[in-house]
Amino acid sequence: MLPMELSRDTEAVADSLAAMIMREHTNASCSYYEGYLNSSDPNLITADDRTALVDWCYCVVDHFQFSRETVASAMEMFDRFLSC
């Protein structure tokens, strides 16, 4: 790959990331998990449910000797999914 092509690809990736970050800041005005942790609705996930999930995730990553940062990434995706 020529340096000129790499530069264009890098610029395209940077533009895409900038657009995604802008969209995320526009759509996400609060902490992700606050929206679905509502104790007044029994059908929604509670803070205790989320804590149990986090604990389970740590057990899994420890068992398979993955990085514990994996849990943080997984929970961020989980929170984003449920907040939509």
N, C-alpha and C. Protein backbone atom coordinates (compact mmCIF):
# COMPACT_ATOMS: atom_id res chain seq x y z
N MET A 1 0.84 -1.17 0.00
CA MET A 1 0.00 0.00 0.00
C MET A 1 0.89 1.24 0.00
N LEU A 2 0.60 2.18 -0.83
CA LEU A 2 1.37 3.40 -0.92
C LEU A 2 1.05 4.32 0.25
N PRO A 3 2.00 5.16 0.67
CA PRO A 3 1.74 6.09 1.77
C PRO A 3 0.53 6.99 1.52
N MET A 4 0.32 7.36 0.25
CA MET A 4 -0.82 8.23 -0.08
C MET A 4 -2.13 7.51 0.19
N GLU A 5 -2.21 6.21 -0.15
CA GLU A 5 -3.42 5.42 0.08
C GLU A 5 -3.67 5.24 1.57
N LEU A 6 -2.60 4.98 2.31
CA LEU A 6 -2.73 4.81 3.75
C LEU A 6 -3.26 6.09 4.38
N SER A 7 -2.76 7.21 3.92
CA SER A 7 -3.20 8.49 4.45
C SER A 7 -4.70 8.70 4.21
N ARG A 8 -5.17 8.36 3.02
CA ARG A 8 -6.59 8.51 2.73
C ARG A 8 -7.43 7.57 3.59
N ASP A 9 -6.95 6.33 3.77
CA ASP A 9 -7.68 5.38 4.61
C ASP A 9 -7.73 5.87 6.05
N THR A 10 -6.63 6.41 6.54
CA THR A 10 -6.58 6.92 7.90
C THR A 10 -7.54 8.08 8.07
N GLU A 11 -7.58 8.95 7.09
CA GLU A 11 -8.49 10.09 7.15
C GLU A 11 -9.95 9.62 7.13
N ALA A 12 -10.25 8.62 6.33
CA ALA A 12 -11.62 8.09 6.26
C ALA A 12 -12.01 7.48 7.59
N VAL A 13 -11.10 6.74 8.22
CA VAL A 13 -11.38 6.13 9.52
C VAL A 13 -11.59 7.22 10.56
N ALA A 14 -10.74 8.23 10.55
CA ALA A 14 -10.86 9.33 11.50
C ALA A 14 -12.19 10.06 11.32
N ASP A 15 -12.59 10.28 10.08
CA ASP A 15 -13.88 10.94 9.81
C ASP A 15 -15.04 10.08 10.31
N SER A 16 -14.96 8.78 10.08
CA SER A 16 -16.03 7.88 10.55
C SER A 16 -16.11 7.88 12.07
N LEU A 17 -14.97 7.79 12.73
CA LEU A 17 -14.96 7.80 14.19
C LEU A 17 -15.50 9.12 14.74
N ALA A 18 -15.11 10.22 14.12
CA ALA A 18 -15.60 11.53 14.57
C ALA A 18 -17.12 11.61 14.44
N ALA A 19 -17.65 11.08 13.34
CA ALA A 19 -19.10 11.10 13.14
C ALA A 19 -19.81 10.22 14.17
N MET A 20 -19.23 9.05 14.48
CA MET A 20 -19.85 8.17 15.49
C MET A 20 -19.82 8.80 16.88
N ILE A 21 -18.71 9.44 17.22
CA ILE A 21 -18.60 10.08 18.52
C ILE A 21 -19.60 11.23 18.63
N MET A 22 -19.74 12.00 17.57
CA MET A 22 -20.70 13.11 17.56
C MET A 22 -22.11 12.57 17.75
N ARG A 23 -22.44 11.50 17.05
CA ARG A 23 -23.78 10.91 17.16
C ARG A 23 -24.02 10.37 18.57
N GLU A 24 -23.00 9.75 19.16
CA GLU A 24 -23.13 9.21 20.50
C GLU A 24 -23.38 10.34 21.51
N HIS A 25 -22.62 11.43 21.39
CA HIS A 25 -22.81 12.54 22.32
C HIS A 25 -24.18 13.19 22.15
N THR A 26 -24.69 13.19 20.94
CA THR A 26 -26.01 13.77 20.68
C THR A 26 -27.12 12.91 21.27
N ASN A 27 -26.98 11.59 21.17
CA ASN A 27 -28.04 10.68 21.60
C ASN A 27 -27.93 10.25 23.06
N ALA A 28 -26.76 10.29 23.64
CA ALA A 28 -26.57 9.80 25.00
C ALA A 28 -26.33 10.98 25.93
N SER A 29 -27.39 11.43 26.57
CA SER A 29 -27.26 12.60 27.43
C SER A 29 -27.02 12.25 28.89
N CYS A 30 -27.14 10.97 29.25
CA CYS A 30 -26.94 10.59 30.64
C CYS A 30 -26.18 9.27 30.69
N SER A 31 -25.93 8.83 31.89
CA SER A 31 -25.27 7.54 32.06
C SER A 31 -26.15 6.46 31.45
N TYR A 32 -25.53 5.52 30.74
CA TYR A 32 -26.29 4.53 29.98
C TYR A 32 -27.23 3.70 30.85
N TYR A 33 -26.74 3.24 31.98
CA TYR A 33 -27.55 2.30 32.73
C TYR A 33 -28.65 2.95 33.56
N GLU A 34 -28.65 4.27 33.72
CA GLU A 34 -29.69 4.91 34.51
C GLU A 34 -31.07 4.75 33.89
N GLY A 35 -31.13 4.67 32.57
CA GLY A 35 -32.41 4.61 31.89
C GLY A 35 -33.19 3.33 32.11
N TYR A 36 -32.52 2.22 32.29
CA TYR A 36 -33.23 0.95 32.41
C TYR A 36 -33.23 0.41 33.83
N LEU A 37 -32.55 1.06 34.75
CA LEU A 37 -32.59 0.63 36.14
C LEU A 37 -33.64 1.45 36.88
N ASN A 38 -34.88 1.09 36.67
CA ASN A 38 -36.00 1.82 37.26
C ASN A 38 -36.76 0.86 38.16
N SER A 39 -36.61 1.04 39.46
CA SER A 39 -37.21 0.09 40.40
C SER A 39 -38.74 0.14 40.42
N SER A 40 -39.34 1.17 39.85
CA SER A 40 -40.80 1.26 39.86
C SER A 40 -41.45 0.33 38.83
N ASP A 41 -40.69 -0.16 37.87
CA ASP A 41 -41.21 -1.08 36.87
C ASP A 41 -40.62 -2.47 37.11
N PRO A 42 -41.42 -3.44 37.55
CA PRO A 42 -40.90 -4.76 37.90
C PRO A 42 -40.38 -5.55 36.70
N ASN A 43 -40.68 -5.12 35.48
CA ASN A 43 -40.22 -5.84 34.30
C ASN A 43 -38.82 -5.42 33.86
N LEU A 44 -38.30 -4.36 34.44
CA LEU A 44 -36.98 -3.88 34.05
C LEU A 44 -35.90 -4.48 34.94
N ILE A 45 -34.69 -4.42 34.47
CA ILE A 45 -33.55 -4.95 35.21
C ILE A 45 -33.27 -4.05 36.41
N THR A 46 -33.02 -4.68 37.55
CA THR A 46 -32.71 -3.92 38.76
C THR A 46 -31.19 -3.79 38.91
N ALA A 47 -30.79 -2.93 39.84
CA ALA A 47 -29.36 -2.78 40.13
C ALA A 47 -28.78 -4.10 40.63
N ASP A 48 -29.57 -4.86 41.39
CA ASP A 48 -29.10 -6.16 41.87
C ASP A 48 -28.88 -7.14 40.71
N ASP A 49 -29.77 -7.09 39.71
CA ASP A 49 -29.61 -7.94 38.52
C ASP A 49 -28.31 -7.60 37.79
N ARG A 50 -28.07 -6.31 37.65
CA ARG A 50 -26.86 -5.87 36.95
C ARG A 50 -25.62 -6.29 37.73
N THR A 51 -25.66 -6.15 39.04
CA THR A 51 -24.53 -6.55 39.89
C THR A 51 -24.26 -8.05 39.75
N ALA A 52 -25.33 -8.84 39.74
CA ALA A 52 -25.17 -10.29 39.58
C ALA A 52 -24.54 -10.61 38.22
N LEU A 53 -24.94 -9.89 37.18
CA LEU A 53 -24.36 -10.11 35.86
C LEU A 53 -22.88 -9.75 35.84
N VAL A 54 -22.52 -8.64 36.47
CA VAL A 54 -21.12 -8.23 36.53
C VAL A 54 -20.30 -9.28 37.27
N ASP A 55 -20.81 -9.75 38.39
CA ASP A 55 -20.11 -10.78 39.16
C ASP A 55 -19.90 -12.04 38.33
N TRP A 56 -20.93 -12.45 37.61
CA TRP A 56 -20.83 -13.63 36.75
C TRP A 56 -19.79 -13.41 35.65
N CYS A 57 -19.79 -12.23 35.05
CA CYS A 57 -18.82 -11.93 34.00
C CYS A 57 -17.39 -12.02 34.53
N TYR A 58 -17.17 -11.51 35.75
CA TYR A 58 -15.84 -11.60 36.34
C TYR A 58 -15.45 -13.06 36.59
N CYS A 59 -16.38 -13.88 36.99
CA CYS A 59 -16.08 -15.31 37.18
C CYS A 59 -15.66 -15.95 35.86
N VAL A 60 -16.36 -15.61 34.79
CA VAL A 60 -16.04 -16.17 33.48
C VAL A 60 -14.66 -15.73 33.01
N VAL A 61 -14.37 -14.41 33.08
CA VAL A 61 -13.06 -13.94 32.59
C VAL A 61 -11.93 -14.47 33.46
N ASP A 62 -12.16 -14.62 34.76
CA ASP A 62 -11.12 -15.18 35.63
C ASP A 62 -10.88 -16.66 35.31
N HIS A 63 -11.96 -17.39 35.07
CA HIS A 63 -11.82 -18.81 34.75
C HIS A 63 -11.01 -19.03 33.47
N PHE A 64 -11.32 -18.23 32.45
CA PHE A 64 -10.65 -18.39 31.17
C PHE A 64 -9.39 -17.53 31.04
N GLN A 65 -9.05 -16.83 32.11
CA GLN A 65 -7.86 -15.99 32.18
C GLN A 65 -7.84 -14.91 31.10
N PHE A 66 -9.01 -14.30 30.88
CA PHE A 66 -9.10 -13.15 29.99
C PHE A 66 -8.76 -11.89 30.80
N SER A 67 -8.57 -10.81 30.09
CA SER A 67 -8.35 -9.53 30.75
C SER A 67 -9.63 -9.10 31.46
N ARG A 68 -9.51 -8.57 32.66
CA ARG A 68 -10.69 -8.13 33.40
C ARG A 68 -11.32 -6.90 32.75
N GLU A 69 -10.57 -6.22 31.89
CA GLU A 69 -11.14 -5.09 31.15
C GLU A 69 -12.25 -5.56 30.20
N THR A 70 -12.25 -6.84 29.89
CA THR A 70 -13.30 -7.41 29.04
C THR A 70 -14.67 -7.19 29.66
N VAL A 71 -14.75 -7.29 30.98
CA VAL A 71 -16.04 -7.09 31.67
C VAL A 71 -16.51 -5.66 31.50
N ALA A 72 -15.59 -4.70 31.63
CA ALA A 72 -15.97 -3.30 31.46
C ALA A 72 -16.51 -3.05 30.06
N SER A 73 -15.84 -3.61 29.06
CA SER A 73 -16.30 -3.45 27.68
C SER A 73 -17.66 -4.12 27.47
N ALA A 74 -17.80 -5.32 28.01
CA ALA A 74 -19.07 -6.05 27.87
C ALA A 74 -20.21 -5.30 28.54
N MET A 75 -19.96 -4.77 29.73
CA MET A 75 -21.04 -4.07 30.44
C MET A 75 -21.38 -2.76 29.75
N GLU A 76 -20.40 -2.11 29.16
CA GLU A 76 -20.70 -0.89 28.42
C GLU A 76 -21.62 -1.19 27.24
N MET A 77 -21.32 -2.28 26.52
CA MET A 77 -22.19 -2.67 25.40
C MET A 77 -23.57 -3.09 25.90
N PHE A 78 -23.62 -3.81 27.00
CA PHE A 78 -24.88 -4.24 27.60
C PHE A 78 -25.73 -3.02 27.98
N ASP A 79 -25.11 -2.05 28.64
CA ASP A 79 -25.82 -0.84 29.05
C ASP A 79 -26.35 -0.07 27.84
N ARG A 80 -25.52 0.03 26.82
CA ARG A 80 -25.95 0.76 25.62
C ARG A 80 -27.11 0.04 24.94
N PHE A 81 -27.04 -1.28 24.87
CA PHE A 81 -28.11 -2.06 24.25
C PHE A 81 -29.44 -1.85 24.99
N LEU A 82 -29.40 -1.93 26.30
CA LEU A 82 -30.63 -1.82 27.07
C LEU A 82 -31.17 -0.41 27.15
N SER A 83 -30.32 0.58 26.94
CA SER A 83 -30.78 1.95 27.04
C SER A 83 -31.49 2.42 25.78
N CYS A 84 -31.41 1.64 24.72
CA CYS A 84 -32.04 2.04 23.44
C CYS A 84 -33.54 1.78 23.46
